[in-house]
C-alpha atoms as a PDB file:
ATOM      1  CA  MET A   1     -22.361   6.743 -26.002  1.00  0.00           C
ATOM      2  CA  PHE A   2     -21.229   4.508 -23.139  1.00  0.00           C
ATOM      3  CA  ASP A   3     -23.557   1.698 -24.236  1.00  0.00           C
ATOM      4  CA  ASN A   4     -21.992   1.752 -27.705  1.00  0.00           C
ATOM      5  CA  LEU A   5     -18.503   1.519 -26.206  1.00  0.00           C
ATOM      6  CA  HIS A   6     -19.549  -1.478 -24.110  1.00  0.00           C
ATOM      7  CA  GLN A   7     -20.912  -3.118 -27.252  1.00  0.00           C
ATOM      8  CA  ILE A   8     -17.587  -2.485 -29.023  1.00  0.00           C
ATOM      9  CA  LEU A   9     -15.730  -4.215 -26.161  1.00  0.00           C
ATOM     10  CA  ARG A  10     -18.022  -7.249 -26.392  1.00  0.00           C
ATOM     11  CA  GLY A  11     -17.453  -7.386 -30.146  1.00  0.00           C
ATOM     12  CA  LEU A  12     -13.695  -7.148 -29.598  1.00  0.00           C
ATOM     13  CA  TYR A  13     -13.788 -10.143 -27.247  1.00  0.00           C
ATOM     14  CA  VAL A  14     -15.726 -12.215 -29.811  1.00  0.00           C
ATOM     15  CA  ASP A  15     -13.350 -11.207 -32.622  1.00  0.00           C
ATOM     16  CA  MET A  16     -10.285 -12.266 -30.618  1.00  0.00           C
ATOM     17  CA  MET A  17     -11.662 -15.715 -29.812  1.00  0.00           C
ATOM     18  CA  PRO A  18     -10.209 -17.392 -32.968  1.00  0.00           C
ATOM     19  CA  LEU A  19      -6.712 -16.710 -31.634  1.00  0.00           C
ATOM     20  CA  CYS A  20      -7.290 -19.593 -29.217  1.00  0.00           C
ATOM     21  CA  SER A  21      -7.045 -22.029 -32.130  1.00  0.00           C
ATOM     22  CA  THR A  22      -3.593 -20.717 -33.046  1.00  0.00           C
ATOM     23  CA  MET A  23      -2.336 -21.143 -29.494  1.00  0.00           C
ATOM     24  CA  ALA A  24      -4.009 -24.560 -29.252  1.00  0.00           C
ATOM     25  CA  GLY A  25      -1.542 -25.931 -31.842  1.00  0.00           C
ATOM     26  CA  VAL A  26       1.408 -25.131 -29.576  1.00  0.00           C
ATOM     27  CA  ALA A  27      -0.487 -26.357 -26.517  1.00  0.00           C
ATOM     28  CA  LYS A  28      -1.242 -29.739 -28.130  1.00  0.00           C
ATOM     29  CA  GLY A  29       2.464 -30.410 -28.618  1.00  0.00           C
ATOM     30  CA  ILE A  30       3.275 -29.517 -24.996  1.00  0.00           C
ATOM     31  CA  ALA A  31       0.318 -31.532 -23.714  1.00  0.00           C
ATOM     32  CA  GLY A  32       1.192 -34.550 -25.891  1.00  0.00           C
ATOM     33  CA  LEU A  33       4.749 -34.655 -24.583  1.00  0.00           C
ATOM     34  CA  GLY A  34       3.505 -34.210 -21.027  1.00  0.00           C
ATOM     35  CA  ALA A  35       0.936 -36.991 -21.483  1.00  0.00           C
ATOM     36  CA  LEU A  36       3.674 -39.330 -22.713  1.00  0.00           C
ATOM     37  CA  PHE A  37       5.792 -38.782 -19.604  1.00  0.00           C
ATOM     38  CA  TYR A  38       2.708 -38.822 -17.353  1.00  0.00           C
ATOM     39  CA  VAL A  39       1.479 -42.208 -18.590  1.00  0.00           C
ATOM     40  CA  ALA A  40       4.963 -43.755 -18.873  1.00  0.00           C
ATOM     41  CA  TYR A  41       5.907 -42.778 -15.304  1.00  0.00           C
ATOM     42  CA  ARG A  42       2.766 -44.240 -13.753  1.00  0.00           C
ATOM     43  CA  VAL A  43       2.882 -47.417 -15.804  1.00  0.00           C
ATOM     44  CA  TRP A  44       6.527 -47.893 -14.841  1.00  0.00           C
ATOM     45  CA  GLN A  45       5.671 -47.392 -11.158  1.00  0.00           C
ATOM     46  CA  SER A  46       2.916 -50.029 -11.333  1.00  0.00           C
ATOM     47  CA  LEU A  47       5.162 -52.516 -13.119  1.00  0.00           C
ATOM     48  CA  ALA A  48       8.028 -51.917 -10.675  1.00  0.00           C
ATOM     49  CA  ARG A  49       5.735 -52.654  -7.735  1.00  0.00           C
ATOM     50  CA  ALA A  50       4.121 -55.619  -9.496  1.00  0.00           C
ATOM     51  CA  GLU A  51       0.728 -53.949  -9.149  1.00  0.00           C
ATOM     52  CA  GLN A  52      -2.193 -53.753 -11.484  1.00  0.00           C
ATOM     53  CA  ILE A  53      -2.251 -50.701 -13.705  1.00  0.00           C
ATOM     54  CA  ASP A  54      -5.005 -48.249 -12.699  1.00  0.00           C
ATOM     55  CA  VAL A  55      -6.413 -46.985 -15.957  1.00  0.00           C
ATOM     56  CA  TYR A  56      -8.653 -44.179 -14.688  1.00  0.00           C
ATOM     57  CA  PRO A  57      -5.872 -41.767 -13.556  1.00  0.00           C
ATOM     58  CA  LEU A  58      -4.248 -42.253 -16.962  1.00  0.00           C
ATOM     59  CA  LEU A  59      -7.312 -40.761 -18.671  1.00  0.00           C
ATOM     60  CA  ARG A  60      -6.620 -37.292 -17.233  1.00  0.00           C
ATOM     61  CA  PRO A  61      -4.135 -36.211 -19.957  1.00  0.00           C
ATOM     62  CA  PHE A  62      -6.506 -37.358 -22.685  1.00  0.00           C
ATOM     63  CA  ALA A  63      -9.398 -35.394 -21.153  1.00  0.00           C
ATOM     64  CA  LEU A  64      -7.197 -32.298 -20.995  1.00  0.00           C
ATOM     65  CA  GLY A  65      -6.148 -32.911 -24.579  1.00  0.00           C
ATOM     66  CA  LEU A  66      -9.784 -32.911 -25.693  1.00  0.00           C
ATOM     67  CA  CYS A  67     -10.310 -29.649 -23.842  1.00  0.00           C
ATOM     68  CA  ILE A  68      -7.321 -28.139 -25.660  1.00  0.00           C
ATOM     69  CA  MET A  69      -8.502 -29.344 -29.075  1.00  0.00           C
ATOM     70  CA  PHE A  70     -11.980 -27.891 -28.623  1.00  0.00           C
ATOM     71  CA  PHE A  71     -11.013 -25.097 -26.237  1.00  0.00           C
ATOM     72  CA  PRO A  72     -13.324 -22.305 -27.526  1.00  0.00           C
ATOM     73  CA  THR A  73     -16.367 -24.594 -27.478  1.00  0.00           C
ATOM     74  CA  ILE A  74     -15.855 -26.884 -24.498  1.00  0.00           C
ATOM     75  CA  VAL A  75     -14.009 -24.617 -22.056  1.00  0.00           C
ATOM     76  CA  ILE A  76     -14.763 -20.993 -22.925  1.00  0.00           C
ATOM     77  CA  GLY A  77     -18.252 -21.711 -24.207  1.00  0.00           C
ATOM     78  CA  THR A  78     -19.193 -23.671 -21.082  1.00  0.00           C
ATOM     79  CA  ILE A  79     -17.794 -21.110 -18.640  1.00  0.00           C
ATOM     80  CA  ASN A  80     -19.404 -18.167 -20.440  1.00  0.00           C
ATOM     81  CA  THR A  81     -22.735 -19.990 -20.668  1.00  0.00           C
ATOM     82  CA  VAL A  82     -22.722 -20.629 -16.926  1.00  0.00           C
ATOM     83  CA  LEU A  83     -21.621 -17.106 -15.952  1.00  0.00           C
ATOM     84  CA  SER A  84     -23.514 -15.022 -18.522  1.00  0.00           C
ATOM     85  CA  PRO A  85     -26.870 -15.237 -16.644  1.00  0.00           C
ATOM     86  CA  ILE A  86     -25.148 -13.550 -13.687  1.00  0.00           C
ATOM     87  CA  VAL A  87     -24.015 -10.696 -15.934  1.00  0.00           C
ATOM     88  CA  ARG A  88     -27.473 -10.301 -17.469  1.00  0.00           C
ATOM     89  CA  GLY A  89     -29.194 -10.470 -14.076  1.00  0.00           C
ATOM     90  CA  THR A  90     -27.028  -7.781 -12.479  1.00  0.00           C
ATOM     91  CA  HIS A  91     -27.350  -5.576 -15.570  1.00  0.00           C
ATOM     92  CA  GLN A  92     -31.152  -5.842 -15.497  1.00  0.00           C
ATOM     93  CA  LEU A  93     -31.095  -4.994 -11.793  1.00  0.00           C
ATOM     94  CA  LEU A  94     -28.976  -1.912 -12.539  1.00  0.00           C
ATOM     95  CA  GLU A  95     -31.269  -0.798 -15.371  1.00  0.00           C
ATOM     96  CA  SER A  96     -34.375  -1.134 -13.194  1.00  0.00           C
ATOM     97  CA  GLN A  97     -32.786   0.982 -10.447  1.00  0.00           C
ATOM     98  CA  LYS A  98     -31.666   3.585 -12.980  1.00  0.00           C
ATOM     99  CA  LEU A  99     -35.185   3.706 -14.418  1.00  0.00           C
ATOM    100  CA  ASP A 100     -36.663   4.316 -10.962  1.00  0.00           C
ATOM    101  CA  MET A 101     -34.057   6.968 -10.225  1.00  0.00           C
ATOM    102  CA  ARG A 102     -34.743   8.810 -13.486  1.00  0.00           C
ATOM    103  CA  GLU A 103     -38.493   8.662 -12.924  1.00  0.00           C
ATOM    104  CA  TYR A 104     -38.256  10.056  -9.378  1.00  0.00           C
ATOM    105  CA  GLN A 105     -35.780  12.693 -10.538  1.00  0.00           C
ATOM    106  CA  ARG A 106     -38.130  13.718 -13.350  1.00  0.00           C
ATOM    107  CA  GLN A 107     -41.072  13.996 -10.954  1.00  0.00           C
ATOM    108  CA  LYS A 108     -39.024  16.013  -8.468  1.00  0.00           C
ATOM    109  CA  ASP A 109     -37.713  18.369 -11.168  1.00  0.00           C
ATOM    110  CA  GLN A 110     -41.239  18.889 -12.492  1.00  0.00           C
ATOM    111  CA  LEU A 111     -42.578  19.624  -8.997  1.00  0.00           C
ATOM    112  CA  GLU A 112     -39.768  22.065  -8.262  1.00  0.00           C
ATOM    113  CA  GLU A 113     -40.347  23.748 -11.615  1.00  0.00           C
ATOM    114  CA  ASP A 114     -44.054  24.184 -10.886  1.00  0.00           C
ATOM    115  CA  ILE A 115     -43.311  25.589  -7.426  1.00  0.00           C
ATOM    116  CA  HIS A 116     -40.709  27.952  -8.882  1.00  0.00           C
ATOM    117  CA  LYS A 117     -43.188  29.227 -11.495  1.00  0.00           C
ATOM    118  CA  HIS A 118     -45.799  29.751  -8.788  1.00  0.00           C
ATOM    119  CA  ASN A 119     -43.365  31.706  -6.623  1.00  0.00           C
ATOM    120  CA  MET A 120     -42.185  33.839  -9.512  1.00  0.00           C
ATOM    121  CA  GLN A 121     -45.760  34.617 -10.529  1.00  0.00           C
ATOM    122  CA  PHE A 122     -46.436  35.685  -6.949  1.00  0.00           C
ATOM    123  CA  LEU A 123     -43.450  38.001  -6.800  1.00  0.00           C
ATOM    124  CA  PHE A 124     -43.458  39.416 -10.312  1.00  0.00           C
ATOM    125  CA  HIS A 125     -46.712  40.773 -11.739  1.00  0.00           C
ATOM    126  CA  GLU A 126     -47.374  42.483 -14.990  1.00  0.00           C
ATOM    127  CA  PRO A 127     -46.996  46.216 -14.526  1.00  0.00           C
ATOM    128  CA  ASN A 128     -50.425  47.795 -14.061  1.00  0.00           C
ATOM    129  CA  GLU A 129     -51.934  50.755 -12.195  1.00  0.00           C
ATOM    130  CA  ASP A 130     -53.476  48.680  -9.375  1.00  0.00           C
ATOM    131  CA  PHE A 131     -50.191  46.948  -8.602  1.00  0.00           C
ATOM    132  CA  ASP A 132     -48.359  50.286  -8.576  1.00  0.00           C
ATOM    133  CA  ASN A 133     -50.904  51.698  -6.161  1.00  0.00           C
ATOM    134  CA  GLN A 134     -50.548  48.651  -3.884  1.00  0.00           C
ATOM    135  CA  LEU A 135     -46.758  48.937  -4.010  1.00  0.00           C
ATOM    136  CA  SER A 136     -46.889  52.636  -3.118  1.00  0.00           C
ATOM    137  CA  GLU A 137     -49.101  51.862  -0.123  1.00  0.00           C
ATOM    138  CA  MET A 138     -46.684  49.249   1.242  1.00  0.00           C
ATOM    139  CA  ARG A 139     -44.456  50.171   4.083  1.00  0.00           C
ATOM    140  CA  PHE A 140     -40.701  49.931   3.861  1.00  0.00           C
ATOM    141  CA  GLU A 141     -40.586  46.711   5.905  1.00  0.00           C
ATOM    142  CA  GLN A 142     -43.011  44.957   3.540  1.00  0.00           C
ATOM    143  CA  ILE A 143     -41.023  45.959   0.487  1.00  0.00           C
ATOM    144  CA  HIS A 144     -37.842  44.783   2.195  1.00  0.00           C
ATOM    145  CA  VAL A 145     -39.419  41.372   2.905  1.00  0.00           C
ATOM    146  CA  LEU A 146     -40.584  41.122  -0.706  1.00  0.00           C
ATOM    147  CA  MET A 147     -37.086  41.866  -1.990  1.00  0.00           C
ATOM    148  CA  GLY A 148     -35.653  39.306   0.437  1.00  0.00           C
ATOM    149  CA  LEU A 149     -38.006  36.639  -0.915  1.00  0.00           C
ATOM    150  CA  GLU A 150     -36.918  37.530  -4.425  1.00  0.00           C
ATOM    151  CA  ASN A 151     -33.248  37.062  -3.496  1.00  0.00           C
ATOM    152  CA  ILE A 152     -34.035  33.723  -1.842  1.00  0.00           C
ATOM    153  CA  LEU A 153     -35.737  32.463  -4.982  1.00  0.00           C
ATOM    154  CA  LYS A 154     -32.775  33.515  -7.095  1.00  0.00           C
ATOM    155  CA  GLN A 155     -30.390  31.690  -4.755  1.00  0.00           C
ATOM    156  CA  LEU A 156     -32.541  28.558  -4.832  1.00  0.00           C
ATOM    157  CA  SER A 157     -32.632  28.649  -8.622  1.00  0.00           C
ATOM    158  CA  LEU A 158     -28.838  28.995  -8.747  1.00  0.00           C
ATOM    159  CA  ARG A 159     -28.401  26.153  -6.242  1.00  0.00           C
ATOM    160  CA  LYS A 160     -30.677  23.948  -8.345  1.00  0.00           C
ATOM    161  CA  ARG A 161     -28.565  24.588 -11.441  1.00  0.00           C
ATOM    162  CA  ILE A 162     -25.338  23.851  -9.541  1.00  0.00           C
ATOM    163  CA  THR A 163     -26.828  20.647  -8.110  1.00  0.00           C
ATOM    164  CA  LYS A 164     -27.912  19.500 -11.557  1.00  0.00           C
ATOM    165  CA  ILE A 165     -24.471  20.175 -13.035  1.00  0.00           C
ATOM    166  CA  PHE A 166     -22.807  18.357 -10.130  1.00  0.00           C
ATOM    167  CA  ARG A 167     -25.139  15.372 -10.531  1.00  0.00           C
ATOM    168  CA  GLN A 168     -24.435  15.148 -14.259  1.00  0.00           C
ATOM    169  CA  LEU A 169     -20.695  15.372 -13.574  1.00  0.00           C
ATOM    170  CA  LEU A 170     -20.880  12.529 -11.051  1.00  0.00           C
ATOM    171  CA  GLU A 171     -22.884  10.388 -13.485  1.00  0.00           C
ATOM    172  CA  LEU A 172     -20.282  11.054 -16.182  1.00  0.00           C
ATOM    173  CA  ILE A 173     -17.424  10.078 -13.848  1.00  0.00           C
ATOM    174  CA  PHE A 174     -19.243   6.954 -12.718  1.00  0.00           C
ATOM    175  CA  ASN A 175     -20.025   5.846 -16.285  1.00  0.00           C
ATOM    176  CA  ALA A 176     -16.410   6.486 -17.253  1.00  0.00           C
ATOM    177  CA  ALA A 177     -15.204   4.366 -14.309  1.00  0.00           C
ATOM    178  CA  ALA A 178     -17.548   1.532 -15.341  1.00  0.00           C
ATOM    179  CA  LEU A 179     -16.192   1.760 -18.894  1.00  0.00           C
ATOM    180  CA  VAL A 180     -12.597   1.587 -17.633  1.00  0.00           C
ATOM    181  CA  ILE A 181     -13.427  -1.502 -15.556  1.00  0.00           C
ATOM    182  CA  ASP A 182     -15.128  -3.146 -18.531  1.00  0.00           C
ATOM    183  CA  THR A 183     -12.143  -2.309 -20.758  1.00  0.00           C
ATOM    184  CA  LEU A 184      -9.644  -3.851 -18.327  1.00  0.00           C
ATOM    185  CA  ARG A 185     -11.932  -6.843 -17.876  1.00  0.00           C
ATOM    186  CA  THR A 186     -12.157  -7.396 -21.634  1.00  0.00           C
ATOM    187  CA  PHE A 187      -8.379  -7.136 -22.116  1.00  0.00           C
ATOM    188  CA  PHE A 188      -7.695  -9.562 -19.255  1.00  0.00           C
ATOM    189  CA  LEU A 189     -10.290 -12.008 -20.589  1.00  0.00           C
ATOM    190  CA  ILE A 190      -8.734 -11.887 -24.044  1.00  0.00           C
ATOM    191  CA  VAL A 191      -5.265 -12.611 -22.631  1.00  0.00           C
ATOM    192  CA  LEU A 192      -6.588 -15.418 -20.417  1.00  0.00           C
ATOM    193  CA  THR A 193      -8.540 -16.891 -23.319  1.00  0.00           C
ATOM    194  CA  ILE A 194      -5.520 -16.882 -25.639  1.00  0.00           C
ATOM    195  CA  LEU A 195      -3.211 -18.388 -23.000  1.00  0.00           C
ATOM    196  CA  GLY A 196      -5.844 -20.834 -21.732  1.00  0.00           C
ATOM    197  CA  PRO A 197      -4.715 -23.774 -23.918  1.00  0.00           C
ATOM    198  CA  LEU A 198      -1.167 -23.367 -22.590  1.00  0.00           C
ATOM    199  CA  ALA A 199      -2.463 -23.466 -19.004  1.00  0.00           C
ATOM    200  CA  PHE A 200      -4.270 -26.725 -19.770  1.00  0.00           C
ATOM    201  CA  ALA A 201      -1.173 -28.107 -21.491  1.00  0.00           C
ATOM    202  CA  PHE A 202       1.170 -27.358 -18.586  1.00  0.00           C
ATOM    203  CA  SER A 203      -1.313 -28.847 -16.119  1.00  0.00           C
ATOM    204  CA  VAL A 204      -0.655 -32.259 -17.708  1.00  0.00           C
ATOM    205  CA  TRP A 205       2.909 -32.221 -16.368  1.00  0.00           C
ATOM    206  CA  ASP A 206       3.584 -33.373 -12.826  1.00  0.00           C
ATOM    207  CA  GLY A 207       4.116 -30.444 -10.490  1.00  0.00           C
ATOM    208  CA  PHE A 208       2.073 -28.056 -12.641  1.00  0.00           C
ATOM    209  CA  GLN A 209      -1.417 -29.383 -11.873  1.00  0.00           C
ATOM    210  CA  SER A 210      -2.261 -26.159 -10.028  1.00  0.00           C
ATOM    211  CA  THR A 211      -1.917 -24.218 -13.302  1.00  0.00           C
ATOM    212  CA  LEU A 212      -5.387 -25.371 -14.342  1.00  0.00           C
ATOM    213  CA  THR A 213      -7.121 -24.331 -11.119  1.00  0.00           C
ATOM    214  CA  GLN A 214      -5.294 -20.993 -11.070  1.00  0.00           C
ATOM    215  CA  TRP A 215      -6.370 -20.252 -14.627  1.00  0.00           C
ATOM    216  CA  LEU A 216      -9.992 -21.167 -13.895  1.00  0.00           C
ATOM    217  CA  SER A 217     -10.122 -19.073 -10.716  1.00  0.00           C
ATOM    218  CA  ARG A 218      -8.500 -16.091 -12.446  1.00  0.00           C
ATOM    219  CA  TYR A 219     -10.823 -16.287 -15.459  1.00  0.00           C
ATOM    220  CA  ILE A 220     -13.959 -16.539 -13.301  1.00  0.00           C
ATOM    221  CA  SER A 221     -12.879 -13.703 -10.993  1.00  0.00           C
ATOM    222  CA  VAL A 222     -12.089 -11.388 -13.932  1.00  0.00           C
ATOM    223  CA  TYR A 223     -15.338 -12.329 -15.670  1.00  0.00           C
ATOM    224  CA  LEU A 224     -17.281 -11.300 -12.552  1.00  0.00           C
ATOM    225  CA  TRP A 225     -15.729  -7.809 -12.437  1.00  0.00           C
ATOM    226  CA  LEU A 226     -18.583  -6.375 -14.495  1.00  0.00           C
ATOM    227  CA  PRO A 227     -21.405  -7.946 -12.412  1.00  0.00           C
ATOM    228  CA  VAL A 228     -19.778  -6.638  -9.228  1.00  0.00           C
ATOM    229  CA  CYS A 229     -19.523  -3.165 -10.789  1.00  0.00           C
ATOM    230  CA  ASP A 230     -23.206  -3.352 -11.797  1.00  0.00           C
ATOM    231  CA  LEU A 231     -24.156  -4.340  -8.249  1.00  0.00           C
ATOM    232  CA  PHE A 232     -22.321  -1.336  -6.809  1.00  0.00           C
ATOM    233  CA  SER A 233     -24.031   0.865  -9.408  1.00  0.00           C
ATOM    234  CA  ALA A 234     -27.434  -0.571  -8.490  1.00  0.00           C
ATOM    235  CA  ILE A 235     -26.783   0.082  -4.788  1.00  0.00           C
ATOM    236  CA  LEU A 236     -25.771   3.697  -5.467  1.00  0.00           C
ATOM    237  CA  SER A 237     -28.804   4.189  -7.711  1.00  0.00           C
ATOM    238  CA  ARG A 238     -31.041   2.827  -4.963  1.00  0.00           C
ATOM    239  CA  ILE A 239     -29.474   5.243  -2.481  1.00  0.00           C
ATOM    240  CA  GLN A 240     -30.266   8.095  -4.869  1.00  0.00           C
ATOM    241  CA  VAL A 241     -33.865   6.869  -5.206  1.00  0.00           C
ATOM    242  CA  ILE A 242     -34.265   6.831  -1.415  1.00  0.00           C
ATOM    243  CA  THR A 243     -32.742  10.316  -1.219  1.00  0.00           C
ATOM    244  CA  LEU A 244     -35.134  11.596  -3.866  1.00  0.00           C
ATOM    245  CA  GLN A 245     -38.093  10.035  -2.093  1.00  0.00           C
ATOM    246  CA  LYS A 246     -37.201  11.680   1.227  1.00  0.00           C
ATOM    247  CA  GLY A 247     -36.046  14.984  -0.213  1.00  0.00           C
ATOM    248  CA  ALA A 248     -38.826  17.546  -0.175  1.00  0.00           C
ATOM    249  CA  PRO A 249     -38.844  20.415  -2.677  1.00  0.00           C
ATOM    250  CA  VAL A 250     -39.021  24.041  -1.671  1.00  0.00           C
ATOM    251  CA  LYS A 251     -42.527  24.998  -0.577  1.00  0.00           C
ATOM    252  CA  ALA A 252     -44.486  27.551  -2.465  1.00  0.00           C
ATOM    253  CA  ILE A 253     -44.993  31.008  -1.023  1.00  0.00           C
END
């Protein structure tokens, strides 16, 4: 269920990408006006000082304009291509740790089940004449010990059920938290992607150059929310694997 919801969020992000083109039309007008003032101011400064015009700094608005025109391909496509291997790597790490945890948990549950069956077979026999004769020959202390062992096994069985329910509840809460983080991450990425052309356009204007770096840092940090969440999940899964390896099941009677 949770995997399907994560797939829906990825599909939502892809479906919202065309909205960048709509915002790029507004951004091109802002960037064009900013480029006009940017180039005119620097050319006027060079002429006023009787200096040669440095052409290379004047190319910055045109480079930003190209990024705005082809924003989904040049900007978003490049950033996602660079960062997507990190997402895939952390997800594969998480899946490998989950696979180990499930395998150890399955082996431990099977071992505990075999031990429980052995103990129950020891305590509870099919009613027959020999067993009744042996039971009648037992002293009161022996019968009391046998009943105590029976109560212990019932308590252990109840504790096992409670532990299993608690583990499943924690897994559900953890998966729900990961889904919430992925949902917030997707919504933030969609907003940043739609407003990205405007950030590039405003960065053309003098005094707003930091808009570009702030947008890039915010986009990258939000994009890495999911890998960080997967790393925490992998660490917790590894802790559970170590706990399962060191945890010994109840010994047979």
